[in-house]
């Protein structure tokens, strides 16, 4: 094996770990979004209740796509609550957030994920895996749009 092939193999292993971290992040986020959907109260209930549902549906799709991508790369996606919580850089909802806190927390969570996605994109490029890089870029673009909307909501 050449030095370049070794680099690609190592980058592929690191990439699988990075995508697995995203599976964990999005699974914790999926649960957090359900919490917010169920417990949001206040004058923006109707707007946020619908938005949180939209976001947890988006999260479900992302979880499945990332896990299947890991399988396509001959990896093993994390698949237990214990693994999700250990690997995730996203914290669970406390259950006591007010509507504005919910939106701010999601903005911050999305910012964390955007940074991690950028790192994963760079790993995918090192691994010469444009399909995974494109997948991550698409999710990153969607998150940036949501972040812009959250900032607008927060004023």
N, C-alpha and C. Protein backbone atom coordinates (compact mmCIF):
# COMPACT_ATOMS: atom_id res chain seq x y z
N UNK A 1 0.85 -1.19 0.00
CA UNK A 1 0.00 0.00 0.00
C UNK A 1 0.89 1.25 0.00
N UNK A 2 0.54 2.21 -0.83
CA UNK A 2 1.33 3.44 -0.90
C UNK A 2 1.00 4.36 0.27
N UNK A 3 1.82 5.35 0.45
CA UNK A 3 1.58 6.32 1.52
C UNK A 3 0.23 7.03 1.30
N UNK A 4 -0.07 7.36 0.06
CA UNK A 4 -1.34 8.03 -0.26
C UNK A 4 -2.53 7.12 0.05
N UNK A 5 -2.43 5.86 -0.26
CA UNK A 5 -3.51 4.91 0.04
C UNK A 5 -3.70 4.77 1.54
N UNK A 6 -2.59 4.79 2.28
CA UNK A 6 -2.68 4.76 3.76
C UNK A 6 -3.41 6.00 4.28
N UNK A 7 -3.10 7.15 3.72
CA UNK A 7 -3.76 8.41 4.12
C UNK A 7 -5.26 8.34 3.85
N UNK A 8 -5.62 7.81 2.70
CA UNK A 8 -7.04 7.70 2.33
C UNK A 8 -7.75 6.74 3.27
N UNK A 9 -7.12 5.60 3.56
CA UNK A 9 -7.72 4.61 4.47
C UNK A 9 -7.93 5.20 5.86
N UNK A 10 -6.93 5.94 6.36
CA UNK A 10 -7.05 6.57 7.67
C UNK A 10 -8.15 7.63 7.64
N UNK A 11 -8.21 8.41 6.59
CA UNK A 11 -9.24 9.44 6.46
C UNK A 11 -10.63 8.81 6.40
N UNK A 12 -10.75 7.66 5.75
CA UNK A 12 -12.05 6.97 5.68
C UNK A 12 -12.50 6.52 7.07
N UNK A 13 -11.57 6.01 7.86
CA UNK A 13 -11.91 5.58 9.23
C UNK A 13 -12.33 6.78 10.07
N UNK A 14 -11.58 7.88 9.94
CA UNK A 14 -11.93 9.10 10.68
C UNK A 14 -13.27 9.65 10.21
N UNK A 15 -13.52 9.54 8.92
CA UNK A 15 -14.79 10.01 8.36
C UNK A 15 -15.97 9.22 8.93
N UNK A 16 -15.83 7.92 9.01
CA UNK A 16 -16.91 7.09 9.58
C UNK A 16 -17.19 7.53 11.02
N UNK A 17 -16.15 7.81 11.78
CA UNK A 17 -16.34 8.28 13.16
C UNK A 17 -17.05 9.63 13.17
N UNK A 18 -16.68 10.51 12.26
CA UNK A 18 -17.30 11.84 12.20
C UNK A 18 -18.77 11.74 11.81
N UNK A 19 -19.08 10.86 10.89
CA UNK A 19 -20.49 10.69 10.48
C UNK A 19 -21.27 10.03 11.61
N UNK A 20 -20.64 9.11 12.32
CA UNK A 20 -21.30 8.49 13.48
C UNK A 20 -21.61 9.54 14.55
N UNK A 21 -20.71 10.49 14.73
CA UNK A 21 -20.98 11.57 15.69
C UNK A 21 -22.22 12.35 15.25
N UNK A 22 -22.38 12.52 13.95
CA UNK A 22 -23.56 13.21 13.44
C UNK A 22 -24.83 12.38 13.65
N UNK A 23 -24.74 11.09 13.50
CA UNK A 23 -25.89 10.23 13.80
C UNK A 23 -26.29 10.43 15.26
N UNK A 24 -25.31 10.45 16.14
CA UNK A 24 -25.58 10.67 17.57
C UNK A 24 -26.17 12.06 17.80
N UNK A 25 -25.55 13.09 17.24
CA UNK A 25 -26.05 14.45 17.40
C UNK A 25 -27.50 14.57 16.95
N UNK A 26 -27.76 14.06 15.77
CA UNK A 26 -29.10 14.21 15.21
C UNK A 26 -30.14 13.38 15.96
N UNK A 27 -29.73 12.27 16.55
CA UNK A 27 -30.68 11.48 17.34
C UNK A 27 -31.02 12.20 18.64
N UNK A 28 -30.03 12.78 19.29
CA UNK A 28 -30.30 13.57 20.49
C UNK A 28 -31.15 14.79 20.11
N UNK A 29 -30.81 15.42 19.01
CA UNK A 29 -31.57 16.58 18.54
C UNK A 29 -33.01 16.19 18.21
N UNK A 30 -33.20 15.04 17.60
CA UNK A 30 -34.54 14.54 17.26
C UNK A 30 -35.41 14.44 18.52
N UNK A 31 -34.82 13.91 19.59
CA UNK A 31 -35.56 13.80 20.84
C UNK A 31 -35.81 15.18 21.45
N UNK A 32 -34.81 16.05 21.41
CA UNK A 32 -34.95 17.40 21.93
C UNK A 32 -36.06 18.15 21.19
N UNK A 33 -36.11 17.99 19.88
CA UNK A 33 -37.14 18.66 19.08
C UNK A 33 -38.54 18.15 19.42
N UNK A 34 -38.66 16.86 19.71
CA UNK A 34 -39.95 16.35 20.17
C UNK A 34 -40.32 16.98 21.51
N UNK A 35 -39.36 17.05 22.41
CA UNK A 35 -39.60 17.68 23.71
C UNK A 35 -40.12 19.10 23.49
N UNK A 36 -39.43 19.88 22.67
CA UNK A 36 -39.83 21.26 22.42
C UNK A 36 -41.20 21.32 21.76
N UNK A 37 -41.45 20.44 20.82
CA UNK A 37 -42.75 20.38 20.12
C UNK A 37 -43.89 20.14 21.11
N UNK A 38 -43.67 19.23 22.04
CA UNK A 38 -44.72 18.88 22.99
C UNK A 38 -44.90 19.91 24.10
N UNK A 39 -43.80 20.56 24.50
CA UNK A 39 -43.86 21.41 25.68
C UNK A 39 -43.79 22.91 25.43
N UNK A 40 -43.72 23.32 24.17
CA UNK A 40 -43.68 24.76 23.90
C UNK A 40 -44.99 25.40 24.37
N UNK A 41 -44.86 26.55 25.02
CA UNK A 41 -46.01 27.31 25.49
C UNK A 41 -45.71 28.78 25.24
N UNK A 42 -46.74 29.57 25.08
CA UNK A 42 -46.52 31.00 24.92
C UNK A 42 -47.20 31.52 23.67
N UNK A 43 -46.94 32.79 23.43
CA UNK A 43 -47.65 33.44 22.33
C UNK A 43 -47.23 32.95 20.96
N UNK A 44 -46.09 32.27 20.87
CA UNK A 44 -45.64 31.75 19.57
C UNK A 44 -45.87 30.24 19.44
N UNK A 45 -46.76 29.71 20.28
CA UNK A 45 -47.01 28.27 20.29
C UNK A 45 -47.29 27.73 18.90
N UNK A 46 -48.24 28.34 18.20
CA UNK A 46 -48.67 27.78 16.91
C UNK A 46 -47.51 27.75 15.91
N UNK A 47 -46.74 28.79 15.87
CA UNK A 47 -45.60 28.86 14.94
C UNK A 47 -44.52 27.86 15.32
N UNK A 48 -44.13 27.86 16.60
CA UNK A 48 -43.02 27.00 17.02
C UNK A 48 -43.41 25.52 17.03
N UNK A 49 -44.65 25.22 17.42
CA UNK A 49 -45.11 23.84 17.44
C UNK A 49 -44.94 23.23 16.04
N UNK A 50 -45.34 23.95 15.02
CA UNK A 50 -45.23 23.47 13.65
C UNK A 50 -43.77 23.41 13.21
N UNK A 51 -42.99 24.43 13.54
CA UNK A 51 -41.58 24.47 13.14
C UNK A 51 -40.80 23.31 13.77
N UNK A 52 -41.03 23.04 15.04
CA UNK A 52 -40.32 21.94 15.70
C UNK A 52 -40.68 20.60 15.06
N UNK A 53 -41.93 20.43 14.66
CA UNK A 53 -42.32 19.20 13.97
C UNK A 53 -41.59 19.09 12.62
N UNK A 54 -41.53 20.18 11.89
CA UNK A 54 -40.80 20.20 10.62
C UNK A 54 -39.33 19.79 10.84
N UNK A 55 -38.74 20.32 11.90
CA UNK A 55 -37.33 20.04 12.17
C UNK A 55 -37.09 18.60 12.62
N UNK A 56 -38.00 18.03 13.43
CA UNK A 56 -37.74 16.65 13.83
C UNK A 56 -37.98 15.69 12.68
N UNK A 57 -38.86 16.05 11.75
CA UNK A 57 -39.00 15.22 10.55
C UNK A 57 -37.75 15.30 9.68
N UNK A 58 -37.18 16.50 9.57
CA UNK A 58 -35.92 16.66 8.84
C UNK A 58 -34.81 15.86 9.53
N UNK A 59 -34.77 15.91 10.86
CA UNK A 59 -33.76 15.17 11.61
C UNK A 59 -33.87 13.67 11.36
N UNK A 60 -35.08 13.15 11.32
CA UNK A 60 -35.27 11.71 11.08
C UNK A 60 -34.68 11.30 9.73
N UNK A 61 -34.89 12.11 8.73
CA UNK A 61 -34.34 11.82 7.40
C UNK A 61 -32.82 11.85 7.43
N UNK A 62 -32.26 12.85 8.09
CA UNK A 62 -30.80 12.99 8.16
C UNK A 62 -30.18 11.80 8.90
N UNK A 63 -30.78 11.40 10.00
CA UNK A 63 -30.27 10.24 10.76
C UNK A 63 -30.18 9.02 9.85
N UNK A 64 -31.24 8.76 9.12
CA UNK A 64 -31.29 7.58 8.25
C UNK A 64 -30.26 7.68 7.13
N UNK A 65 -30.16 8.85 6.50
CA UNK A 65 -29.20 9.02 5.41
C UNK A 65 -27.76 8.86 5.89
N UNK A 66 -27.44 9.45 7.04
CA UNK A 66 -26.08 9.34 7.57
C UNK A 66 -25.77 7.89 7.97
N UNK A 67 -26.71 7.23 8.63
CA UNK A 67 -26.47 5.84 9.04
C UNK A 67 -26.28 4.94 7.83
N UNK A 68 -27.10 5.14 6.81
CA UNK A 68 -26.96 4.33 5.60
C UNK A 68 -25.65 4.64 4.87
N UNK A 69 -25.20 5.88 4.95
CA UNK A 69 -23.91 6.23 4.32
C UNK A 69 -22.78 5.51 5.04
N UNK A 70 -22.86 5.44 6.37
CA UNK A 70 -21.85 4.70 7.14
C UNK A 70 -21.82 3.24 6.70
N UNK A 71 -23.00 2.65 6.54
CA UNK A 71 -23.07 1.26 6.09
C UNK A 71 -22.45 1.10 4.70
N UNK A 72 -22.72 2.06 3.82
CA UNK A 72 -22.15 2.02 2.46
C UNK A 72 -20.63 2.12 2.49
N UNK A 73 -20.09 2.75 3.55
CA UNK A 73 -18.65 2.88 3.71
C UNK A 73 -18.05 1.71 4.50
N UNK A 74 -18.86 0.65 4.68
CA UNK A 74 -18.46 -0.55 5.43
C UNK A 74 -18.21 -0.26 6.91
N UNK A 75 -18.90 0.75 7.44
CA UNK A 75 -18.81 1.04 8.86
C UNK A 75 -20.06 0.56 9.57
N UNK A 76 -20.09 0.80 10.88
CA UNK A 76 -21.24 0.41 11.70
C UNK A 76 -21.79 1.66 12.37
N UNK A 77 -23.01 2.07 12.01
CA UNK A 77 -23.57 3.23 12.67
C UNK A 77 -23.93 2.93 14.13
N UNK A 78 -23.73 3.94 14.97
CA UNK A 78 -24.16 3.80 16.36
C UNK A 78 -25.67 3.63 16.36
N UNK A 79 -26.18 2.84 17.31
CA UNK A 79 -27.60 2.54 17.26
C UNK A 79 -28.22 2.27 18.63
N UNK A 80 -27.58 2.78 19.69
CA UNK A 80 -28.18 2.64 21.01
C UNK A 80 -28.22 4.02 21.68
N UNK A 81 -29.17 4.19 22.58
CA UNK A 81 -29.28 5.46 23.29
C UNK A 81 -27.99 5.77 24.05
N UNK A 82 -27.41 4.75 24.64
CA UNK A 82 -26.15 4.93 25.39
C UNK A 82 -25.07 5.50 24.47
N UNK A 83 -24.92 4.92 23.29
CA UNK A 83 -23.91 5.39 22.34
C UNK A 83 -24.21 6.83 21.88
N UNK A 84 -25.47 7.11 21.62
CA UNK A 84 -25.84 8.46 21.17
C UNK A 84 -25.42 9.50 22.21
N UNK A 85 -25.77 9.24 23.46
CA UNK A 85 -25.48 10.21 24.52
C UNK A 85 -23.98 10.34 24.79
N UNK A 86 -23.25 9.25 24.66
CA UNK A 86 -21.80 9.30 24.87
C UNK A 86 -21.10 10.06 23.75
N UNK A 87 -21.56 9.89 22.53
CA UNK A 87 -20.87 10.43 21.36
C UNK A 87 -21.32 11.84 20.99
N UNK A 88 -22.53 12.19 21.34
CA UNK A 88 -23.11 13.46 20.91
C UNK A 88 -22.45 14.67 21.57
N UNK A 89 -22.34 15.73 20.81
CA UNK A 89 -21.91 17.01 21.38
C UNK A 89 -23.12 17.92 21.63
N UNK A 90 -24.30 17.39 21.41
CA UNK A 90 -25.56 18.09 21.66
C UNK A 90 -26.13 17.59 22.99
N UNK A 91 -26.57 18.51 23.83
CA UNK A 91 -27.17 18.11 25.11
C UNK A 91 -28.67 17.92 24.97
N UNK A 92 -29.19 17.06 25.82
CA UNK A 92 -30.63 16.84 25.86
C UNK A 92 -31.35 18.10 26.33
N UNK A 93 -32.63 18.18 26.05
CA UNK A 93 -33.45 19.26 26.60
C UNK A 93 -33.59 19.05 28.10
N UNK A 94 -33.66 20.15 28.83
CA UNK A 94 -33.83 20.04 30.28
C UNK A 94 -35.30 19.82 30.63
N UNK A 95 -36.19 20.26 29.76
CA UNK A 95 -37.61 20.14 30.02
C UNK A 95 -38.20 21.40 30.65
N UNK A 96 -37.34 22.38 30.94
CA UNK A 96 -37.83 23.60 31.57
C UNK A 96 -37.61 24.84 30.70
N UNK A 97 -37.23 24.66 29.43
CA UNK A 97 -36.95 25.79 28.55
C UNK A 97 -38.22 26.55 28.19
N UNK A 98 -38.09 27.85 28.15
CA UNK A 98 -39.16 28.72 27.64
C UNK A 98 -38.98 28.81 26.13
N UNK A 99 -39.98 29.32 25.42
CA UNK A 99 -39.93 29.29 23.95
C UNK A 99 -38.70 29.99 23.39
N UNK A 100 -38.31 31.13 23.92
CA UNK A 100 -37.14 31.83 23.40
C UNK A 100 -35.85 31.03 23.67
N UNK A 101 -35.79 30.39 24.85
CA UNK A 101 -34.63 29.55 25.17
C UNK A 101 -34.54 28.36 24.22
N UNK A 102 -35.68 27.81 23.85
CA UNK A 102 -35.70 26.68 22.91
C UNK A 102 -35.06 27.09 21.58
N UNK A 103 -35.49 28.24 21.07
CA UNK A 103 -34.98 28.71 19.78
C UNK A 103 -33.49 29.02 19.89
N UNK A 104 -33.08 29.68 20.97
CA UNK A 104 -31.65 29.99 21.14
C UNK A 104 -30.83 28.72 21.24
N UNK A 105 -31.32 27.73 21.98
CA UNK A 105 -30.58 26.48 22.12
C UNK A 105 -30.45 25.76 20.78
N UNK A 106 -31.51 25.76 20.00
CA UNK A 106 -31.44 25.12 18.69
C UNK A 106 -30.45 25.85 17.79
N UNK A 107 -30.45 27.18 17.84
CA UNK A 107 -29.48 27.94 17.06
C UNK A 107 -28.06 27.52 17.44
N UNK A 108 -27.80 27.44 18.74
CA UNK A 108 -26.47 27.06 19.22
C UNK A 108 -26.12 25.62 18.85
N UNK A 109 -27.09 24.72 18.96
CA UNK A 109 -26.86 23.32 18.56
C UNK A 109 -26.53 23.23 17.08
N UNK A 110 -27.28 23.96 16.27
CA UNK A 110 -27.03 23.95 14.83
C UNK A 110 -25.66 24.52 14.51
N UNK A 111 -25.24 25.55 15.24
CA UNK A 111 -23.90 26.13 15.03
C UNK A 111 -22.82 25.09 15.34
N UNK A 112 -23.00 24.34 16.41
CA UNK A 112 -22.06 23.27 16.75
C UNK A 112 -22.00 22.23 15.64
N UNK A 113 -23.17 21.82 15.16
CA UNK A 113 -23.22 20.81 14.11
C UNK A 113 -22.60 21.34 12.82
N UNK A 114 -22.84 22.60 12.48
CA UNK A 114 -22.24 23.18 11.28
C UNK A 114 -20.72 23.09 11.35
N UNK A 115 -20.14 23.43 12.50
CA UNK A 115 -18.69 23.35 12.66
C UNK A 115 -18.20 21.90 12.49
N UNK A 116 -18.91 20.97 13.09
CA UNK A 116 -18.51 19.57 13.00
C UNK A 116 -18.70 19.03 11.58
N UNK A 117 -19.74 19.49 10.91
CA UNK A 117 -19.95 19.07 9.52
C UNK A 117 -18.80 19.56 8.64
N UNK A 118 -18.32 20.77 8.89
CA UNK A 118 -17.19 21.28 8.11
C UNK A 118 -15.97 20.39 8.30
N UNK A 119 -15.72 19.97 9.52
CA UNK A 119 -14.61 19.05 9.78
C UNK A 119 -14.81 17.73 9.03
N UNK A 120 -16.05 17.22 9.03
CA UNK A 120 -16.36 15.97 8.34
C UNK A 120 -16.21 16.13 6.83
N UNK A 121 -16.59 17.28 6.31
CA UNK A 121 -16.43 17.55 4.87
C UNK A 121 -14.95 17.51 4.50
N UNK A 122 -14.12 18.10 5.33
CA UNK A 122 -12.67 18.09 5.07
C UNK A 122 -12.12 16.67 5.12
N UNK A 123 -12.62 15.85 6.04
CA UNK A 123 -12.21 14.44 6.10
C UNK A 123 -12.67 13.69 4.84
N UNK A 124 -13.89 13.97 4.41
CA UNK A 124 -14.42 13.32 3.21
C UNK A 124 -13.57 13.68 1.99
N UNK A 125 -13.17 14.93 1.93
CA UNK A 125 -12.31 15.35 0.81
C UNK A 125 -10.95 14.65 0.86
N UNK A 126 -10.39 14.50 2.07
CA UNK A 126 -9.13 13.78 2.24
C UNK A 126 -9.28 12.32 1.81
N UNK A 127 -10.46 11.76 2.11
CA UNK A 127 -10.74 10.36 1.78
C UNK A 127 -11.18 10.21 0.32
N UNK A 128 -11.22 11.31 -0.41
CA UNK A 128 -11.67 11.32 -1.80
C UNK A 128 -13.09 10.76 -1.93
N UNK A 129 -13.93 11.17 -1.00
CA UNK A 129 -15.32 10.72 -0.93
C UNK A 129 -16.24 11.92 -1.17
N UNK A 130 -16.44 12.24 -2.43
CA UNK A 130 -17.26 13.41 -2.76
C UNK A 130 -18.73 13.20 -2.41
N UNK A 131 -19.21 11.97 -2.45
CA UNK A 131 -20.62 11.72 -2.12
C UNK A 131 -20.92 12.11 -0.68
N UNK A 132 -20.03 11.69 0.25
CA UNK A 132 -20.24 12.04 1.65
C UNK A 132 -20.05 13.54 1.86
N UNK A 133 -19.05 14.11 1.21
CA UNK A 133 -18.83 15.57 1.33
C UNK A 133 -20.06 16.33 0.85
N UNK A 134 -20.64 15.91 -0.27
CA UNK A 134 -21.84 16.57 -0.80
C UNK A 134 -23.02 16.44 0.16
N UNK A 135 -23.19 15.26 0.74
CA UNK A 135 -24.28 15.02 1.69
C UNK A 135 -24.15 15.96 2.89
N UNK A 136 -22.94 16.05 3.41
CA UNK A 136 -22.69 16.92 4.57
C UNK A 136 -22.88 18.40 4.21
N UNK A 137 -22.45 18.78 3.02
CA UNK A 137 -22.60 20.16 2.57
C UNK A 137 -24.07 20.55 2.46
N UNK A 138 -24.88 19.64 1.96
CA UNK A 138 -26.32 19.90 1.83
C UNK A 138 -26.96 20.12 3.20
N UNK A 139 -26.61 19.29 4.17
CA UNK A 139 -27.15 19.44 5.52
C UNK A 139 -26.66 20.75 6.13
N UNK A 140 -25.40 21.06 5.93
CA UNK A 140 -24.83 22.30 6.46
C UNK A 140 -25.57 23.52 5.90
N UNK A 141 -25.87 23.51 4.61
CA UNK A 141 -26.61 24.62 4.00
C UNK A 141 -28.01 24.77 4.61
N UNK A 142 -28.67 23.66 4.84
CA UNK A 142 -30.00 23.69 5.45
C UNK A 142 -29.92 24.26 6.87
N UNK A 143 -28.92 23.85 7.62
CA UNK A 143 -28.76 24.35 8.99
C UNK A 143 -28.49 25.85 9.01
N UNK A 144 -27.68 26.32 8.10
CA UNK A 144 -27.40 27.76 8.06
C UNK A 144 -28.67 28.56 7.78
N UNK A 145 -29.54 28.03 6.95
CA UNK A 145 -30.81 28.71 6.68
C UNK A 145 -31.67 28.73 7.95
N UNK A 146 -31.74 27.59 8.64
CA UNK A 146 -32.51 27.55 9.89
C UNK A 146 -31.92 28.52 10.92
N UNK A 147 -30.59 28.59 10.98
CA UNK A 147 -29.94 29.49 11.93
C UNK A 147 -30.30 30.94 11.63
N UNK A 148 -30.32 31.29 10.37
CA UNK A 148 -30.71 32.64 9.96
C UNK A 148 -32.15 32.93 10.43
N UNK A 149 -33.03 31.97 10.25
CA UNK A 149 -34.42 32.15 10.67
C UNK A 149 -34.53 32.26 12.19
N UNK A 150 -33.76 31.46 12.92
CA UNK A 150 -33.77 31.54 14.38
C UNK A 150 -33.29 32.92 14.84
N UNK A 151 -32.23 33.43 14.21
CA UNK A 151 -31.72 34.76 14.56
C UNK A 151 -32.78 35.82 14.29
N UNK A 152 -33.49 35.70 13.18
CA UNK A 152 -34.55 36.65 12.85
C UNK A 152 -35.67 36.58 13.89
N UNK A 153 -36.01 35.36 14.30
CA UNK A 153 -37.04 35.17 15.32
C UNK A 153 -36.62 35.84 16.63
N UNK A 154 -35.36 35.65 17.01
CA UNK A 154 -34.86 36.19 18.28
C UNK A 154 -34.63 37.70 18.23
N UNK A 155 -34.63 38.27 17.01
CA UNK A 155 -34.47 39.72 16.85
C UNK A 155 -33.03 40.10 16.92
